[in-house]
């Protein structure tokens, strides 16, 4: 997918004009995991919604039109708490074989009758992710949906996303302000700054070995992290991005 000179301007009733995004261009490779790493309040949610077709850009184009192929998962849990896992999935598909496949892929076997409201944020995210997969869309857009989860849960979800991308050939885009999350959930990081939102650098990441309780990065992973830290430090915007490893 190509993002070509996307712009977004806002105008208030008082006549104040703001350029949130200006001539933003980059590529999202298919079948990969890409993170947008950007400061808090810089416009990455607006960008995701434009990519999802939920909000109109002021200018530019997206090829192919992403609203036809993508599904957007916001930061707040979106699964219905008064429906159990199976009932939530049935809102999207009645194909029992497909639902069973997704339940197994998400490691939710044995939890089919559990209600999301009785589980953790991570559990609710997995239910939302299952619904996204059942939609048949080929791109999943995550709007800081994993923020606030425990490290073990993040690692579990990272390993599940690895399987999904490999087996389902799904493209995953994750918007975050956390360096560690961007690296954990990505094959590449698009480092951005705000005011207006623009690309600083695209960093390709080597594979990360994910184990049961820790993530051990190679020397090249540590170098990529340092490169991102140095990049943001040079622009004096590290204070609005979580640059901790």
Protein backbone atom coordinates (compact mmCIF):
# COMPACT_ATOMS: atom_id res chain seq x y z
CA UNK A 1 0.00 0.00 0.00
CA UNK A 2 1.28 3.47 -0.89
CA UNK A 3 0.48 6.56 1.17
CA UNK A 4 0.94 9.43 -1.28
CA UNK A 5 1.15 13.02 -0.02
CA UNK A 6 -1.63 12.69 2.55
CA UNK A 7 -2.59 15.94 4.25
CA UNK A 8 -5.10 16.81 6.96
CA UNK A 9 -6.07 20.33 7.96
CA UNK A 10 -8.50 21.42 10.66
CA UNK A 11 -10.32 24.73 10.85
CA UNK A 12 -12.09 26.01 13.96
CA UNK A 13 -15.20 28.19 14.03
CA UNK A 14 -13.02 31.07 15.18
CA UNK A 15 -10.99 30.82 11.97
CA UNK A 16 -7.93 29.08 13.45
CA UNK A 17 -6.33 26.71 10.93
CA UNK A 18 -4.04 23.82 11.85
CA UNK A 19 -2.09 21.45 9.61
CA UNK A 20 -2.02 18.13 11.46
CA UNK A 21 -0.58 16.10 8.56
CA UNK A 22 1.21 17.62 5.57
CA UNK A 23 2.28 15.80 2.36
CA UNK A 24 2.96 12.52 4.19
CA UNK A 25 4.24 9.73 1.94
CA UNK A 26 5.50 6.20 2.69
CA UNK A 27 4.86 2.55 1.86
CA UNK A 28 3.19 -0.13 3.96
CA UNK A 29 4.49 -3.51 2.73
CA UNK A 30 1.95 -6.32 2.45
CA UNK A 31 2.23 -9.28 4.80
CA UNK A 32 4.46 -7.39 7.23
CA UNK A 33 4.13 -5.69 10.60
CA UNK A 34 4.72 -1.94 10.51
CA UNK A 35 4.69 0.47 13.46
CA UNK A 36 4.12 4.21 13.40
CA UNK A 37 6.24 5.57 16.26
CA UNK A 38 5.15 9.14 16.94
CA UNK A 39 4.76 11.56 19.87
CA UNK A 40 1.57 11.74 21.92
CA UNK A 41 -1.02 13.95 20.23
CA UNK A 42 0.85 14.15 16.94
CA UNK A 43 -1.96 12.85 14.72
CA UNK A 44 -1.20 9.14 14.40
CA UNK A 45 -4.80 8.20 15.32
CA UNK A 46 -6.09 10.53 12.60
CA UNK A 47 -3.65 8.96 10.14
CA UNK A 48 -4.85 5.45 11.02
CA UNK A 49 -8.48 6.51 10.58
CA UNK A 50 -7.67 8.01 7.18
CA UNK A 51 -5.99 4.76 6.15
CA UNK A 52 -9.01 2.82 7.42
CA UNK A 53 -11.38 5.02 5.43
CA UNK A 54 -13.05 6.27 8.62
CA UNK A 55 -11.93 9.86 8.11
CA UNK A 56 -11.31 11.90 4.98
CA UNK A 57 -7.92 13.39 4.15
CA UNK A 58 -7.68 16.98 3.03
CA UNK A 59 -5.41 15.94 0.20
CA UNK A 60 -3.38 13.09 -1.24
CA UNK A 61 -4.25 9.49 -2.05
CA UNK A 62 -3.98 5.94 -0.72
CA UNK A 63 -3.43 3.12 -3.21
CA UNK A 64 -5.18 0.76 -3.09
CA UNK A 65 -8.09 2.42 -1.24
CA UNK A 66 -7.62 1.02 2.24
CA UNK A 67 -11.21 1.21 3.45
CA UNK A 68 -11.96 -1.81 1.30
CA UNK A 69 -9.26 -4.03 2.78
CA UNK A 70 -8.64 -2.86 6.35
CA UNK A 71 -10.22 -3.06 9.80
CA UNK A 72 -9.49 -0.59 12.61
CA UNK A 73 -9.12 -1.58 16.28
CA UNK A 74 -9.08 1.45 18.63
CA UNK A 75 -7.22 1.75 21.91
CA UNK A 76 -10.33 1.10 24.01
CA UNK A 77 -11.73 -2.47 24.11
CA UNK A 78 -14.42 -2.96 21.47
CA UNK A 79 -15.70 -6.49 22.11
CA UNK A 80 -19.22 -6.57 23.56
CA UNK A 81 -19.00 -7.46 27.29
CA UNK A 82 -22.52 -8.92 27.43
CA UNK A 83 -21.62 -11.51 24.74
CA UNK A 84 -19.20 -14.37 25.29
CA UNK A 85 -16.33 -15.09 22.89
CA UNK A 86 -18.38 -17.27 20.54
CA UNK A 87 -21.27 -14.79 20.51
CA UNK A 88 -18.93 -11.90 19.70
CA UNK A 89 -17.44 -13.91 16.85
CA UNK A 90 -20.91 -14.81 15.57
CA UNK A 91 -21.61 -11.11 15.03
CA UNK A 92 -19.05 -11.24 12.23
CA UNK A 93 -19.31 -14.78 10.85
CA UNK A 94 -21.55 -17.85 11.14
CA UNK A 95 -18.85 -20.11 9.70
CA UNK A 96 -18.22 -22.42 12.67
CA UNK A 97 -15.17 -23.99 11.08
CA UNK A 98 -13.57 -20.58 10.58
CA UNK A 99 -14.48 -19.53 14.12
CA UNK A 100 -12.85 -22.67 15.51
CA UNK A 101 -9.74 -21.97 13.45
CA UNK A 102 -9.49 -18.41 14.78
CA UNK A 103 -10.08 -19.53 18.38
CA UNK A 104 -7.19 -21.98 18.06
CA UNK A 105 -4.95 -19.41 16.38
CA UNK A 106 -5.60 -16.92 19.20
CA UNK A 107 -5.04 -19.58 21.88
CA UNK A 108 -8.58 -19.09 23.20
CA UNK A 109 -9.52 -22.77 23.32
CA UNK A 110 -11.49 -23.41 26.49
CA UNK A 111 -12.57 -19.77 26.72
CA UNK A 112 -15.36 -19.90 24.14
CA UNK A 113 -18.07 -19.26 26.76
CA UNK A 114 -16.19 -16.62 28.73
CA UNK A 115 -17.38 -13.03 28.68
CA UNK A 116 -14.78 -10.36 27.75
CA UNK A 117 -15.89 -8.10 30.60
CA UNK A 118 -14.71 -10.73 33.08
CA UNK A 119 -11.23 -10.93 31.62
CA UNK A 120 -8.24 -8.62 31.18
CA UNK A 121 -7.73 -5.87 28.61
CA UNK A 122 -5.48 -8.31 26.77
CA UNK A 123 -8.27 -10.89 26.61
CA UNK A 124 -10.65 -8.29 25.22
CA UNK A 125 -8.06 -7.32 22.62
CA UNK A 126 -7.74 -10.94 21.50
CA UNK A 127 -11.53 -11.11 21.06
CA UNK A 128 -11.45 -7.90 18.99
CA UNK A 129 -8.55 -9.30 16.97
CA UNK A 130 -10.53 -12.47 16.32
CA UNK A 131 -13.47 -10.43 15.06
CA UNK A 132 -11.10 -8.51 12.78
CA UNK A 133 -9.74 -11.76 11.35
CA UNK A 134 -13.24 -13.12 10.81
CA UNK A 135 -14.07 -10.02 8.74
CA UNK A 136 -11.76 -11.30 6.02
CA UNK A 137 -9.89 -7.98 5.74
CA UNK A 138 -6.23 -8.20 4.83
CA UNK A 139 -4.97 -5.25 6.89
CA UNK A 140 -5.46 -4.74 10.62
CA UNK A 141 -4.84 -1.26 12.03
CA UNK A 142 -4.09 -1.09 15.77
CA UNK A 143 -4.43 2.30 17.44
CA UNK A 144 -2.19 1.85 20.48
CA UNK A 145 -4.47 -1.09 21.28
CA UNK A 146 -1.81 -2.84 23.38
CA UNK A 147 -0.89 0.08 25.61
CA UNK A 148 -1.06 -0.70 29.32
CA UNK A 149 -0.83 -4.47 29.02
CA UNK A 150 1.60 -6.43 31.17
CA UNK A 151 4.88 -7.43 29.56
CA UNK A 152 3.98 -11.16 29.55
CA UNK A 153 0.65 -10.40 27.83
CA UNK A 154 2.36 -8.15 25.26
CA UNK A 155 4.85 -10.92 24.53
CA UNK A 156 2.06 -13.48 24.16
CA UNK A 157 0.19 -11.24 21.75
CA UNK A 158 3.38 -10.49 19.80
CA UNK A 159 3.91 -14.23 19.28
CA UNK A 160 0.27 -14.66 18.24
CA UNK A 161 0.58 -11.79 15.75
CA UNK A 162 3.70 -13.44 14.33
CA UNK A 163 1.65 -16.58 13.62
CA UNK A 164 -1.23 -14.61 12.15
CA UNK A 165 1.00 -12.68 9.74
CA UNK A 166 2.75 -15.86 8.64
CA UNK A 167 -0.31 -18.10 8.28
CA UNK A 168 -2.96 -15.60 7.19
CA UNK A 169 -0.72 -13.25 5.17
CA UNK A 170 -2.20 -10.33 7.11
CA UNK A 171 -0.67 -6.85 7.15
CA UNK A 172 -0.55 -5.32 10.64
CA UNK A 173 -0.05 -1.60 11.32
CA UNK A 174 0.46 -0.48 14.91
CA UNK A 175 0.47 3.18 16.00
CA UNK A 176 2.28 3.81 19.29
CA UNK A 177 4.37 6.25 21.30
CA UNK A 178 6.42 3.45 22.91
CA UNK A 179 9.77 2.45 21.44
CA UNK A 180 9.74 -0.98 23.08
CA UNK A 181 6.25 -1.72 21.73
CA UNK A 182 7.15 -0.49 18.25
CA UNK A 183 10.12 -2.86 18.13
CA UNK A 184 8.28 -5.80 19.71
CA UNK A 185 5.33 -5.69 17.31
CA UNK A 186 7.11 -4.74 14.08
CA UNK A 187 9.27 -5.74 11.17
CA UNK A 188 9.83 -2.06 10.44
CA UNK A 189 9.36 1.17 12.36
CA UNK A 190 8.34 4.42 10.68
CA UNK A 191 9.67 7.05 13.07
CA UNK A 192 7.64 10.27 12.90
CA UNK A 193 7.48 13.71 14.46
CA UNK A 194 4.47 15.95 14.86
CA UNK A 195 3.39 19.51 14.11
CA UNK A 196 2.71 18.52 11.37
CA UNK A 197 3.05 14.73 11.32
CA UNK A 198 5.96 13.78 9.07
CA UNK A 199 8.39 10.89 8.58
CA UNK A 200 11.84 11.16 10.13
CA UNK A 201 13.17 7.77 9.09
CA UNK A 202 12.11 4.22 8.22
CA UNK A 203 14.02 1.63 10.25
CA UNK A 204 13.99 -2.00 9.12
CA UNK A 205 14.21 -4.45 12.03
CA UNK A 206 15.86 -7.86 12.06
CA UNK A 207 13.97 -10.78 13.53
CA UNK A 208 13.45 -10.88 17.29
CA UNK A 209 13.64 -14.15 19.18
CA UNK A 210 10.58 -14.28 21.42
CA UNK A 211 10.71 -16.61 24.39
CA UNK A 212 8.20 -17.43 27.10
CA UNK A 213 8.98 -14.53 29.43
CA UNK A 214 11.54 -12.30 27.74
CA UNK A 215 12.43 -10.84 24.39
CA UNK A 216 16.08 -11.28 23.55
CA UNK A 217 17.24 -8.93 20.83
CA UNK A 218 20.38 -9.37 18.80
CA UNK A 219 23.11 -6.77 18.58
CA UNK A 220 21.43 -5.39 15.48
CA UNK A 221 18.15 -4.97 17.40
CA UNK A 222 19.92 -3.00 20.12
CA UNK A 223 21.59 -0.90 17.44
CA UNK A 224 18.19 -0.20 15.86
CA UNK A 225 16.81 0.90 19.24
CA UNK A 226 19.79 3.19 19.82
CA UNK A 227 19.37 4.61 16.33
CA UNK A 228 15.75 5.52 17.13
CA UNK A 229 16.67 7.01 20.53
CA UNK A 230 19.42 9.11 18.96
CA UNK A 231 17.07 10.20 16.19
CA UNK A 232 14.43 11.52 18.59
CA UNK A 233 16.99 12.98 20.95
CA UNK A 234 18.44 15.03 18.09
CA UNK A 235 15.00 16.58 17.57
CA UNK A 236 14.55 17.10 21.34
CA UNK A 237 11.22 15.27 21.33
CA UNK A 238 12.18 12.23 23.40
CA UNK A 239 10.16 13.59 26.31
CA UNK A 240 6.89 12.97 24.43
CA UNK A 241 7.83 9.44 23.36
CA UNK A 242 8.49 6.52 25.67
CA UNK A 243 12.06 5.67 24.63
CA UNK A 244 12.67 3.11 27.37
CA UNK A 245 13.79 -0.32 26.23
